[in-house]
C-alpha atoms as a PDB file:
ATOM      1  CA  MET A   1      19.909 -68.089   0.438  1.00  0.00           C
ATOM      2  CA  PRO A   2      17.351 -65.613   1.840  1.00  0.00           C
ATOM      3  CA  CYS A   3      17.448 -61.849   1.414  1.00  0.00           C
ATOM      4  CA  PRO A   4      20.166 -60.323   3.642  1.00  0.00           C
ATOM      5  CA  PHE A   5      17.597 -57.868   5.032  1.00  0.00           C
ATOM      6  CA  TYR A   6      15.105 -60.602   6.053  1.00  0.00           C
ATOM      7  CA  ARG A   7      15.681 -61.416   9.732  1.00  0.00           C
ATOM      8  CA  GLY A   8      13.303 -62.583  12.412  1.00  0.00           C
ATOM      9  CA  GLY A   9      10.300 -62.483  10.097  1.00  0.00           C
ATOM     10  CA  ALA A  10      10.766 -58.773   9.365  1.00  0.00           C
ATOM     11  CA  CYS A  11      12.398 -56.668   6.669  1.00  0.00           C
ATOM     12  CA  HIS A  12      15.448 -54.727   7.910  1.00  0.00           C
ATOM     13  CA  SER A  13      16.077 -52.850   4.661  1.00  0.00           C
ATOM     14  CA  PRO A  14      18.013 -49.577   5.008  1.00  0.00           C
ATOM     15  CA  LYS A  15      15.168 -48.001   3.019  1.00  0.00           C
ATOM     16  CA  LEU A  16      12.888 -48.503   6.043  1.00  0.00           C
ATOM     17  CA  GLU A  17      13.121 -46.326   9.143  1.00  0.00           C
ATOM     18  CA  GLU A  18      12.629 -49.399  11.339  1.00  0.00           C
ATOM     19  CA  PRO A  19      12.186 -53.155  10.748  1.00  0.00           C
ATOM     20  CA  ASP A  20       8.730 -53.948   9.376  1.00  0.00           C
ATOM     21  CA  ASP A  21       6.975 -57.303   9.077  1.00  0.00           C
ATOM     22  CA  SER A  22       4.032 -55.954   7.067  1.00  0.00           C
ATOM     23  CA  VAL A  23       6.118 -55.741   3.863  1.00  0.00           C
ATOM     24  CA  VAL A  24       7.391 -59.334   4.055  1.00  0.00           C
ATOM     25  CA  ALA A  25       6.410 -61.900   1.447  1.00  0.00           C
ATOM     26  CA  ALA A  26       8.003 -65.125   2.657  1.00  0.00           C
ATOM     27  CA  SER A  27       8.229 -66.633  -0.846  1.00  0.00           C
ATOM     28  CA  ARG A  28      10.144 -63.567  -2.075  1.00  0.00           C
ATOM     29  CA  CYS A  29      12.269 -62.925   1.035  1.00  0.00           C
ATOM     30  CA  ARG A  30      13.312 -66.568   1.491  1.00  0.00           C
ATOM     31  CA  GLY A  31      13.756 -67.155  -2.216  1.00  0.00           C
ATOM     32  CA  PRO A  32      16.823 -67.068  -4.435  1.00  0.00           C
ATOM     33  CA  PRO A  33      18.654 -63.780  -5.128  1.00  0.00           C
ATOM     34  CA  GLU A  34      16.966 -63.309  -8.506  1.00  0.00           C
ATOM     35  CA  THR A  35      13.633 -63.220  -6.662  1.00  0.00           C
ATOM     36  CA  TYR A  36      14.381 -60.866  -3.746  1.00  0.00           C
ATOM     37  CA  MET A  37      16.649 -58.549  -5.758  1.00  0.00           C
ATOM     38  CA  GLY A  38      13.531 -57.375  -7.621  1.00  0.00           C
ATOM     39  CA  CYS A  39      11.968 -56.104  -4.382  1.00  0.00           C
ATOM     40  CA  SER A  40      11.603 -52.326  -4.128  1.00  0.00           C
ATOM     41  CA  LEU A  41      13.150 -52.440  -0.636  1.00  0.00           C
ATOM     42  CA  TYR A  42      16.263 -54.370  -1.701  1.00  0.00           C
ATOM     43  CA  VAL A  43      19.529 -52.405  -1.689  1.00  0.00           C
ATOM     44  CA  ASN A  44      22.683 -53.780  -3.270  1.00  0.00           C
ATOM     45  CA  THR A  45      25.151 -53.191  -0.427  1.00  0.00           C
ATOM     46  CA  ASP A  46      28.109 -54.519  -2.448  1.00  0.00           C
ATOM     47  CA  LEU A  47      28.270 -51.251  -4.383  1.00  0.00           C
ATOM     48  CA  GLY A  48      30.151 -49.219  -1.807  1.00  0.00           C
ATOM     49  CA  VAL A  49      31.273 -51.432   1.019  1.00  0.00           C
ATOM     50  CA  ASN A  50      35.004 -50.932   0.428  1.00  0.00           C
ATOM     51  CA  LYS A  51      34.812 -47.259  -0.520  1.00  0.00           C
ATOM     52  CA  PRO A  52      35.530 -44.643   2.144  1.00  0.00           C
ATOM     53  CA  PRO A  53      32.552 -42.522   3.163  1.00  0.00           C
ATOM     54  CA  GLU A  54      32.057 -39.583   0.822  1.00  0.00           C
ATOM     55  CA  ASN A  55      30.502 -37.263   3.388  1.00  0.00           C
ATOM     56  CA  ASN A  56      32.192 -37.550   6.759  1.00  0.00           C
ATOM     57  CA  ASN A  57      30.121 -35.685   9.331  1.00  0.00           C
ATOM     58  CA  ASN A  58      32.313 -36.853  12.211  1.00  0.00           C
ATOM     59  CA  SER A  59      33.316 -33.817  14.230  1.00  0.00           C
ATOM     60  CA  GLY A  60      36.153 -35.435  16.162  1.00  0.00           C
ATOM     61  CA  LYS A  61      35.904 -37.084  19.566  1.00  0.00           C
ATOM     62  CA  GLY A  62      32.341 -37.797  20.505  1.00  0.00           C
ATOM     63  CA  GLY A  63      31.076 -36.891  17.035  1.00  0.00           C
ATOM     64  CA  VAL A  64      28.389 -38.966  15.382  1.00  0.00           C
ATOM     65  CA  ARG A  65      28.396 -39.841  11.683  1.00  0.00           C
ATOM     66  CA  VAL A  66      25.217 -41.153  10.087  1.00  0.00           C
ATOM     67  CA  ILE A  67      25.747 -44.454   8.279  1.00  0.00           C
ATOM     68  CA  THR A  68      24.373 -44.537   4.756  1.00  0.00           C
ATOM     69  CA  LYS A  69      22.845 -47.527   3.012  1.00  0.00           C
ATOM     70  CA  ASN A  70      26.023 -48.201   0.956  1.00  0.00           C
ATOM     71  CA  SER A  71      28.228 -48.415   4.025  1.00  0.00           C
ATOM     72  CA  ILE A  72      29.026 -51.052   6.613  1.00  0.00           C
ATOM     73  CA  ALA A  73      25.519 -51.006   8.040  1.00  0.00           C
ATOM     74  CA  SER A  74      24.984 -54.441   6.510  1.00  0.00           C
ATOM     75  CA  LYS A  75      27.656 -55.834   8.857  1.00  0.00           C
ATOM     76  CA  ILE A  76      25.837 -54.709  11.994  1.00  0.00           C
ATOM     77  CA  TYR A  77      23.892 -57.286  13.993  1.00  0.00           C
ATOM     78  CA  SER A  78      21.517 -55.263  16.162  1.00  0.00           C
ATOM     79  CA  PRO A  79      21.282 -57.585  19.203  1.00  0.00           C
ATOM     80  CA  ILE A  80      25.033 -57.373  19.866  1.00  0.00           C
ATOM     81  CA  HIS A  81      26.105 -54.057  18.264  1.00  0.00           C
ATOM     82  CA  LEU A  82      23.239 -51.570  18.581  1.00  0.00           C
ATOM     83  CA  LEU A  83      23.437 -49.081  21.448  1.00  0.00           C
ATOM     84  CA  LYS A  84      20.321 -47.117  22.436  1.00  0.00           C
ATOM     85  CA  GLU A  85      22.396 -44.079  23.434  1.00  0.00           C
ATOM     86  CA  PRO A  86      25.865 -43.018  22.240  1.00  0.00           C
ATOM     87  CA  LEU A  87      28.577 -44.335  24.561  1.00  0.00           C
ATOM     88  CA  ILE A  88      31.503 -41.919  24.839  1.00  0.00           C
ATOM     89  CA  SER A  89      35.141 -42.981  25.080  1.00  0.00           C
ATOM     90  CA  GLU A  90      38.267 -40.812  25.192  1.00  0.00           C
ATOM     91  CA  CYS A  91      40.165 -43.401  23.124  1.00  0.00           C
ATOM     92  CA  PRO A  92      41.568 -41.822  19.944  1.00  0.00           C
ATOM     93  CA  GLY A  93      40.765 -45.013  18.007  1.00  0.00           C
ATOM     94  CA  TYR A  94      37.085 -45.036  19.008  1.00  0.00           C
ATOM     95  CA  ARG A  95      34.185 -43.580  17.078  1.00  0.00           C
ATOM     96  CA  ILE A  96      30.430 -43.738  17.449  1.00  0.00           C
ATOM     97  CA  GLU A  97      28.036 -43.660  14.509  1.00  0.00           C
ATOM     98  CA  ASN A  98      24.298 -43.139  14.191  1.00  0.00           C
ATOM     99  CA  VAL A  99      22.650 -45.975  12.255  1.00  0.00           C
ATOM    100  CA  GLY A 100      19.131 -44.585  12.351  1.00  0.00           C
ATOM    101  CA  THR A 101      17.715 -46.974  14.947  1.00  0.00           C
ATOM    102  CA  GLY A 102      20.522 -46.436  17.450  1.00  0.00           C
ATOM    103  CA  TYR A 103      24.286 -46.079  17.658  1.00  0.00           C
ATOM    104  CA  VAL A 104      27.196 -48.373  16.864  1.00  0.00           C
ATOM    105  CA  ALA A 105      30.707 -48.064  18.319  1.00  0.00           C
ATOM    106  CA  PHE A 106      33.691 -48.689  16.045  1.00  0.00           C
ATOM    107  CA  CYS A 107      37.356 -49.316  16.739  1.00  0.00           C
ATOM    108  CA  ASN A 108      39.652 -47.755  14.128  1.00  0.00           C
ATOM    109  CA  VAL A 109      42.556 -49.933  15.326  1.00  0.00           C
ATOM    110  CA  LEU A 110      40.622 -53.199  14.875  1.00  0.00           C
ATOM    111  CA  ARG A 111      38.779 -51.764  11.840  1.00  0.00           C
ATOM    112  CA  ARG A 112      35.437 -53.200  12.937  1.00  0.00           C
ATOM    113  CA  ALA A 113      32.278 -52.572  14.919  1.00  0.00           C
ATOM    114  CA  LEU A 114      32.465 -53.180  18.642  1.00  0.00           C
ATOM    115  CA  THR A 115      29.900 -55.221  20.511  1.00  0.00           C
ATOM    116  CA  LYS A 116      27.958 -53.464  23.274  1.00  0.00           C
ATOM    117  CA  TYR A 117      30.207 -55.158  25.827  1.00  0.00           C
ATOM    118  CA  GLU A 118      33.409 -54.121  24.028  1.00  0.00           C
ATOM    119  CA  ALA A 119      32.136 -50.536  23.675  1.00  0.00           C
ATOM    120  CA  LYS A 120      31.525 -50.377  27.432  1.00  0.00           C
ATOM    121  CA  LEU A 121      35.035 -51.706  28.124  1.00  0.00           C
ATOM    122  CA  CYS A 122      36.495 -49.171  25.697  1.00  0.00           C
ATOM    123  CA  SER A 123      34.595 -46.390  27.418  1.00  0.00           C
ATOM    124  CA  LEU A 124      35.772 -47.366  30.899  1.00  0.00           C
ATOM    125  CA  TYR A 125      39.263 -48.823  30.352  1.00  0.00           C
ATOM    126  CA  TRP A 126      40.567 -47.274  27.142  1.00  0.00           C
ATOM    127  CA  ARG A 127      43.931 -46.379  28.722  1.00  0.00           C
ATOM    128  CA  GLU A 128      44.661 -50.095  29.315  1.00  0.00           C
ATOM    129  CA  CYS A 129      43.557 -51.228  25.849  1.00  0.00           C
ATOM    130  CA  PRO A 130      46.035 -53.781  24.444  1.00  0.00           C
ATOM    131  CA  TYR A 131      45.159 -52.819  20.871  1.00  0.00           C
ATOM    132  CA  ILE A 132      45.845 -49.115  21.201  1.00  0.00           C
ATOM    133  CA  LEU A 133      49.132 -49.886  22.981  1.00  0.00           C
ATOM    134  CA  THR A 134      50.353 -51.989  20.034  1.00  0.00           C
ATOM    135  CA  ARG A 135      49.497 -49.328  17.441  1.00  0.00           C
ATOM    136  CA  PRO A 136      52.647 -48.000  15.690  1.00  0.00           C
ATOM    137  CA  GLN A 137      53.743 -44.716  17.223  1.00  0.00           C
ATOM    138  CA  SER A 138      54.673 -41.816  14.924  1.00  0.00           C
ATOM    139  CA  ALA A 139      58.050 -40.135  15.485  1.00  0.00           C
END
């Protein structure tokens, strides 16, 4: 199993500001975990995936929180999730986060990242969202 940060011939480590192919050693990156875990750019993302963020910089609707290396950034697939500019939605279950190379939209109701297409739908049609309508209402 190759390194989780090795994609498309480049290293996508959270320690890098942007993907870089000049640091790739194919034998290390495509090797077993005991080989790539010794790389200085490897980050063990299992150490904080299920913990809530310690420093929430989200300032409410339209706020942007920077994702840290021990967060859900490892679950983002840039071609389908990464937005070049923040996409705003009035939905109370929507949030946008800065991931360094762009922005990712999240749905608090679904508890997952939204694809670019889903983020656009949420921005335009949030009042008709079937997920927000099924959320339990407080008394």
